[in-house]
Amino acid sequence: LDVTAIRQRLLEYGWVKDARVSRRFPDTLVIDIVERVPAALWQDEDRLTLIDKEGVVLDRVPVSQMPDLPLLIGKGANEHAVALDGLLGKAPTLKAQLVSATWIGERRWDLSFQSGETVSLPEGEQFAAAALTRFAKMDKSAGLLGRGILRFDLRIPGKMTVRLPREPGEPIVPEPVTES
């Protein structure tokens, strides 16, 4: 038996993080497997797959069997799962309320929360982290989420623009809000 070849074949499965294969003479083969733990769902076009916290694709998932995990949406979103997790780690109260994160234009995130509201973050990890931290502080002090606002746009440094719900036929007029 070629234990190296067996190990390589095992590592081809997405859910196998590591494998150790050894022989115990005279007639025993020992295989230890470390499994990857599903951390999120990734939707790319019409495919829905489980990914681990590092963004590694584990397996496809039928919509009827979706587990209760955050949803990452968009081309390449899985490759930025680690950065997103680090970003959300700076705002744990918001992380607990996250329903989905959409990777927009392969450069920035839109975060959707249980309240139905969306937060648009700026490009760049440091800018996104600063904006999300400010938003979390403002949400804690003023209770921004859960008020029925459709979108909080944080893409302009130091400013927040909100999109309010409107009546049918009423024009959309964003109201800029400047942080103090």
C-alpha atoms as a PDB file:
ATOM      1  CA  LEU A   1       0.000   0.000   0.000  1.00  0.00           C
ATOM      2  CA  ASP A   2       1.093   3.531  -0.769  1.00  0.00           C
ATOM      3  CA  VAL A   3       0.054   5.463   2.356  1.00  0.00           C
ATOM      4  CA  THR A   4       1.108   8.794   0.801  1.00  0.00           C
ATOM      5  CA  ALA A   5      -1.208   8.249  -2.163  1.00  0.00           C
ATOM      6  CA  ILE A   6      -4.077   7.295   0.162  1.00  0.00           C
ATOM      7  CA  ARG A   7      -3.520  10.470   2.203  1.00  0.00           C
ATOM      8  CA  GLN A   8      -3.482  12.611  -0.963  1.00  0.00           C
ATOM      9  CA  ARG A   9      -6.757  11.057  -2.125  1.00  0.00           C
ATOM     10  CA  LEU A  10      -8.359  11.793   1.260  1.00  0.00           C
ATOM     11  CA  LEU A  11      -7.197  15.428   1.140  1.00  0.00           C
ATOM     12  CA  GLU A  12      -9.062  15.884  -2.159  1.00  0.00           C
ATOM     13  CA  TYR A  13     -12.357  15.782  -0.255  1.00  0.00           C
ATOM     14  CA  GLY A  14     -13.363  19.308   0.792  1.00  0.00           C
ATOM     15  CA  TRP A  15     -14.455  18.285   4.285  1.00  0.00           C
ATOM     16  CA  VAL A  16     -11.060  16.694   5.100  1.00  0.00           C
ATOM     17  CA  LYS A  17      -8.720  19.274   6.629  1.00  0.00           C
ATOM     18  CA  ASP A  18      -5.922  16.823   7.345  1.00  0.00           C
ATOM     19  CA  ALA A  19      -5.353  13.086   7.317  1.00  0.00           C
ATOM     20  CA  ARG A  20      -2.750  10.794   8.760  1.00  0.00           C
ATOM     21  CA  VAL A  21      -2.392   7.361   7.222  1.00  0.00           C
ATOM     22  CA  SER A  22      -0.117   4.702   8.663  1.00  0.00           C
ATOM     23  CA  ARG A  23       0.406   0.962   8.562  1.00  0.00           C
ATOM     24  CA  ARG A  24       0.605  -1.307  11.562  1.00  0.00           C
ATOM     25  CA  PHE A  25       2.132  -4.562  10.622  1.00  0.00           C
ATOM     26  CA  PRO A  26       1.175  -7.166   9.780  1.00  0.00           C
ATOM     27  CA  ASP A  27      -2.263  -6.289   8.424  1.00  0.00           C
ATOM     28  CA  THR A  28      -3.707  -3.013   9.797  1.00  0.00           C
ATOM     29  CA  LEU A  29      -4.179   0.370   8.154  1.00  0.00           C
ATOM     30  CA  VAL A  30      -4.777   3.314  10.534  1.00  0.00           C
ATOM     31  CA  ILE A  31      -6.418   6.490   9.236  1.00  0.00           C
ATOM     32  CA  ASP A  32      -6.925   9.603  11.393  1.00  0.00           C
ATOM     33  CA  ILE A  33      -8.971  12.374   9.824  1.00  0.00           C
ATOM     34  CA  VAL A  34      -9.408  15.980  10.937  1.00  0.00           C
ATOM     35  CA  GLU A  35     -12.665  17.304   9.529  1.00  0.00           C
ATOM     36  CA  ARG A  36     -13.358  20.889   8.514  1.00  0.00           C
ATOM     37  CA  VAL A  37     -16.229  22.499  10.402  1.00  0.00           C
ATOM     38  CA  PRO A  38     -18.910  24.284   8.352  1.00  0.00           C
ATOM     39  CA  ALA A  39     -18.960  27.985   9.262  1.00  0.00           C
ATOM     40  CA  ALA A  40     -21.097  29.550   6.521  1.00  0.00           C
ATOM     41  CA  LEU A  41     -22.979  28.994   3.305  1.00  0.00           C
ATOM     42  CA  TRP A  42     -21.609  30.482   0.100  1.00  0.00           C
ATOM     43  CA  GLN A  43     -23.884  31.363  -2.784  1.00  0.00           C
ATOM     44  CA  ASP A  44     -22.190  31.945  -6.116  1.00  0.00           C
ATOM     45  CA  GLU A  45     -24.654  32.363  -8.971  1.00  0.00           C
ATOM     46  CA  ASP A  46     -27.007  29.389  -8.586  1.00  0.00           C
ATOM     47  CA  ARG A  47     -24.697  27.185  -6.495  1.00  0.00           C
ATOM     48  CA  LEU A  48     -25.007  26.904  -2.735  1.00  0.00           C
ATOM     49  CA  THR A  49     -22.071  25.323  -0.889  1.00  0.00           C
ATOM     50  CA  LEU A  50     -20.882  24.893   2.675  1.00  0.00           C
ATOM     51  CA  ILE A  51     -17.562  26.547   3.511  1.00  0.00           C
ATOM     52  CA  ASP A  52     -15.377  26.477   6.603  1.00  0.00           C
ATOM     53  CA  LYS A  53     -14.111  29.561   8.447  1.00  0.00           C
ATOM     54  CA  GLU A  54     -11.172  29.786   6.023  1.00  0.00           C
ATOM     55  CA  GLY A  55     -13.485  29.828   3.004  1.00  0.00           C
ATOM     56  CA  VAL A  56     -12.629  26.318   1.820  1.00  0.00           C
ATOM     57  CA  VAL A  57     -15.519  24.725  -0.068  1.00  0.00           C
ATOM     58  CA  LEU A  58     -16.738  21.609   1.729  1.00  0.00           C
ATOM     59  CA  ASP A  59     -19.746  20.387  -0.216  1.00  0.00           C
ATOM     60  CA  ARG A  60     -22.810  21.512  -2.164  1.00  0.00           C
ATOM     61  CA  VAL A  61     -26.034  21.953  -0.222  1.00  0.00           C
ATOM     62  CA  PRO A  62     -29.584  21.686  -1.553  1.00  0.00           C
ATOM     63  CA  VAL A  63     -31.739  24.701  -0.655  1.00  0.00           C
ATOM     64  CA  SER A  64     -34.161  22.361   1.133  1.00  0.00           C
ATOM     65  CA  GLN A  65     -31.374  21.285   3.541  1.00  0.00           C
ATOM     66  CA  MET A  66     -29.713  24.639   4.295  1.00  0.00           C
ATOM     67  CA  PRO A  67     -28.291  24.710   7.821  1.00  0.00           C
ATOM     68  CA  ASP A  68     -28.723  27.781  10.019  1.00  0.00           C
ATOM     69  CA  LEU A  69     -25.412  29.445   9.140  1.00  0.00           C
ATOM     70  CA  PRO A  70     -24.551  32.917   7.846  1.00  0.00           C
ATOM     71  CA  LEU A  71     -24.808  33.281   4.085  1.00  0.00           C
ATOM     72  CA  LEU A  72     -21.959  34.754   2.018  1.00  0.00           C
ATOM     73  CA  ILE A  73     -23.084  35.873  -1.420  1.00  0.00           C
ATOM     74  CA  GLY A  74     -21.080  36.739  -4.502  1.00  0.00           C
ATOM     75  CA  LYS A  75     -18.182  35.724  -6.658  1.00  0.00           C
ATOM     76  CA  GLY A  76     -15.084  35.232  -4.506  1.00  0.00           C
ATOM     77  CA  ALA A  77     -16.927  35.859  -1.217  1.00  0.00           C
ATOM     78  CA  ASN A  78     -15.562  32.594   0.174  1.00  0.00           C
ATOM     79  CA  GLU A  79     -11.989  33.809  -0.406  1.00  0.00           C
ATOM     80  CA  HIS A  80     -12.699  36.772   1.892  1.00  0.00           C
ATOM     81  CA  ALA A  81     -14.427  34.790   4.665  1.00  0.00           C
ATOM     82  CA  VAL A  82     -11.436  35.091   7.022  1.00  0.00           C
ATOM     83  CA  ALA A  83     -11.275  38.869   6.561  1.00  0.00           C
ATOM     84  CA  LEU A  84     -15.040  39.153   7.085  1.00  0.00           C
ATOM     85  CA  ASP A  85     -14.832  37.109  10.282  1.00  0.00           C
ATOM     86  CA  GLY A  86     -12.056  39.390  11.554  1.00  0.00           C
ATOM     87  CA  LEU A  87     -14.108  42.434  10.630  1.00  0.00           C
ATOM     88  CA  LEU A  88     -17.190  41.128  12.449  1.00  0.00           C
ATOM     89  CA  GLY A  89     -15.039  40.202  15.436  1.00  0.00           C
ATOM     90  CA  LYS A  90     -14.630  43.945  16.029  1.00  0.00           C
ATOM     91  CA  ALA A  91     -18.428  44.254  16.397  1.00  0.00           C
ATOM     92  CA  PRO A  92     -19.635  41.068  18.153  1.00  0.00           C
ATOM     93  CA  THR A  93     -23.118  42.464  18.859  1.00  0.00           C
ATOM     94  CA  LEU A  94     -23.623  42.925  15.120  1.00  0.00           C
ATOM     95  CA  LYS A  95     -22.086  39.551  14.268  1.00  0.00           C
ATOM     96  CA  ALA A  96     -24.788  37.808  16.303  1.00  0.00           C
ATOM     97  CA  GLN A  97     -27.492  39.525  14.209  1.00  0.00           C
ATOM     98  CA  LEU A  98     -25.926  38.910  10.783  1.00  0.00           C
ATOM     99  CA  VAL A  99     -28.035  37.001   8.260  1.00  0.00           C
ATOM    100  CA  SER A 100     -25.938  37.451   5.126  1.00  0.00           C
ATOM    101  CA  ALA A 101     -22.932  39.277   3.719  1.00  0.00           C
ATOM    102  CA  THR A 102     -22.775  40.154   0.037  1.00  0.00           C
ATOM    103  CA  TRP A 103     -19.382  40.673  -1.623  1.00  0.00           C
ATOM    104  CA  ILE A 104     -20.064  43.612  -3.953  1.00  0.00           C
ATOM    105  CA  GLY A 105     -17.973  44.170  -7.074  1.00  0.00           C
ATOM    106  CA  GLU A 106     -15.252  41.899  -5.690  1.00  0.00           C
ATOM    107  CA  ARG A 107     -14.136  44.767  -3.419  1.00  0.00           C
ATOM    108  CA  ARG A 108     -16.488  45.498  -0.475  1.00  0.00           C
ATOM    109  CA  TRP A 109     -19.264  44.081   1.757  1.00  0.00           C
ATOM    110  CA  ASP A 110     -22.978  44.764   2.238  1.00  0.00           C
ATOM    111  CA  LEU A 111     -24.156  43.243   5.531  1.00  0.00           C
ATOM    112  CA  SER A 112     -27.813  42.225   5.999  1.00  0.00           C
ATOM    113  CA  PHE A 113     -29.208  41.812   9.502  1.00  0.00           C
ATOM    114  CA  GLN A 114     -32.144  39.975  11.105  1.00  0.00           C
ATOM    115  CA  SER A 115     -34.039  43.281  11.289  1.00  0.00           C
ATOM    116  CA  GLY A 116     -34.064  43.414   7.469  1.00  0.00           C
ATOM    117  CA  GLU A 117     -31.684  46.363   7.332  1.00  0.00           C
ATOM    118  CA  THR A 118     -28.481  46.513   5.301  1.00  0.00           C
ATOM    119  CA  VAL A 119     -25.177  48.201   6.100  1.00  0.00           C
ATOM    120  CA  SER A 120     -22.945  49.107   3.132  1.00  0.00           C
ATOM    121  CA  LEU A 121     -19.274  49.132   4.098  1.00  0.00           C
ATOM    122  CA  PRO A 122     -16.449  50.963   2.293  1.00  0.00           C
ATOM    123  CA  GLU A 123     -13.635  49.290   0.366  1.00  0.00           C
ATOM    124  CA  GLY A 124     -10.480  48.269   2.201  1.00  0.00           C
ATOM    125  CA  GLU A 125     -10.276  46.263   5.410  1.00  0.00           C
ATOM    126  CA  GLN A 126      -9.100  49.117   7.614  1.00  0.00           C
ATOM    127  CA  PHE A 127     -11.802  51.505   6.337  1.00  0.00           C
ATOM    128  CA  ALA A 128     -14.489  48.829   6.646  1.00  0.00           C
ATOM    129  CA  ALA A 129     -13.346  47.973  10.187  1.00  0.00           C
ATOM    130  CA  ALA A 130     -13.401  51.629  11.250  1.00  0.00           C
ATOM    131  CA  ALA A 131     -16.846  52.179   9.715  1.00  0.00           C
ATOM    132  CA  LEU A 132     -18.320  49.023  11.253  1.00  0.00           C
ATOM    133  CA  THR A 133     -16.873  49.833  14.684  1.00  0.00           C
ATOM    134  CA  ARG A 134     -18.379  53.344  14.531  1.00  0.00           C
ATOM    135  CA  PHE A 135     -21.711  51.911  13.420  1.00  0.00           C
ATOM    136  CA  ALA A 136     -21.703  49.348  16.259  1.00  0.00           C
ATOM    137  CA  LYS A 137     -21.081  52.116  18.811  1.00  0.00           C
ATOM    138  CA  MET A 138     -23.861  54.240  17.336  1.00  0.00           C
ATOM    139  CA  ASP A 139     -26.221  51.249  17.253  1.00  0.00           C
ATOM    140  CA  LYS A 140     -25.453  50.521  20.905  1.00  0.00           C
ATOM    141  CA  SER A 141     -26.095  54.106  22.003  1.00  0.00           C
ATOM    142  CA  ALA A 142     -28.985  55.034  19.669  1.00  0.00           C
ATOM    143  CA  GLY A 143     -30.472  51.668  18.625  1.00  0.00           C
ATOM    144  CA  LEU A 144     -30.138  52.122  14.863  1.00  0.00           C
ATOM    145  CA  LEU A 145     -31.031  48.561  13.847  1.00  0.00           C
ATOM    146  CA  GLY A 146     -34.676  47.603  14.154  1.00  0.00           C
ATOM    147  CA  ARG A 147     -36.118  51.007  13.267  1.00  0.00           C
ATOM    148  CA  GLY A 148     -37.190  49.992   9.759  1.00  0.00           C
ATOM    149  CA  ILE A 149     -34.464  51.870   7.914  1.00  0.00           C
ATOM    150  CA  LEU A 150     -33.696  50.097   4.649  1.00  0.00           C
ATOM    151  CA  ARG A 151     -29.976  50.850   4.269  1.00  0.00           C
ATOM    152  CA  PHE A 152     -27.153  52.467   6.184  1.00  0.00           C
ATOM    153  CA  ASP A 153     -24.460  53.537   3.714  1.00  0.00           C
ATOM    154  CA  LEU A 154     -21.043  54.005   5.353  1.00  0.00           C
ATOM    155  CA  ARG A 155     -18.958  54.211   2.181  1.00  0.00           C
ATOM    156  CA  ILE A 156     -18.105  57.911   2.589  1.00  0.00           C
ATOM    157  CA  PRO A 157     -15.608  58.331   5.460  1.00  0.00           C
ATOM    158  CA  GLY A 158     -17.101  60.087   8.486  1.00  0.00           C
ATOM    159  CA  LYS A 159     -20.640  60.111   7.058  1.00  0.00           C
ATOM    160  CA  MET A 160     -23.653  57.863   7.131  1.00  0.00           C
ATOM    161  CA  THR A 161     -26.425  58.049   4.559  1.00  0.00           C
ATOM    162  CA  VAL A 162     -29.670  56.250   5.299  1.00  0.00           C
ATOM    163  CA  ARG A 163     -32.416  55.080   2.974  1.00  0.00           C
ATOM    164  CA  LEU A 164     -35.814  55.301   4.592  1.00  0.00           C
ATOM    165  CA  PRO A 165     -38.846  53.254   3.569  1.00  0.00           C
ATOM    166  CA  ARG A 166     -41.197  55.049   1.211  1.00  0.00           C
ATOM    167  CA  GLU A 167     -44.730  54.881  -0.066  1.00  0.00           C
ATOM    168  CA  PRO A 168     -45.321  53.550  -3.615  1.00  0.00           C
ATOM    169  CA  GLY A 169     -44.623  56.315  -6.138  1.00  0.00           C
ATOM    170  CA  GLU A 170     -42.838  58.500  -3.607  1.00  0.00           C
ATOM    171  CA  PRO A 171     -39.335  59.506  -4.803  1.00  0.00           C
ATOM    172  CA  ILE A 172     -36.315  58.168  -2.951  1.00  0.00           C
ATOM    173  CA  VAL A 173     -34.477  60.973  -1.209  1.00  0.00           C
ATOM    174  CA  PRO A 174     -31.517  59.793   0.876  1.00  0.00           C
ATOM    175  CA  GLU A 175     -30.962  61.720   4.074  1.00  0.00           C
ATOM    176  CA  PRO A 176     -27.284  62.245   4.910  1.00  0.00           C
ATOM    177  CA  VAL A 177     -26.457  61.945   8.581  1.00  0.00           C
ATOM    178  CA  THR A 178     -23.132  63.263   9.822  1.00  0.00           C
ATOM    179  CA  GLU A 179     -21.568  61.574  12.833  1.00  0.00           C
ATOM    180  CA  SER A 180     -20.588  63.762  15.719  1.00  0.00           C
END
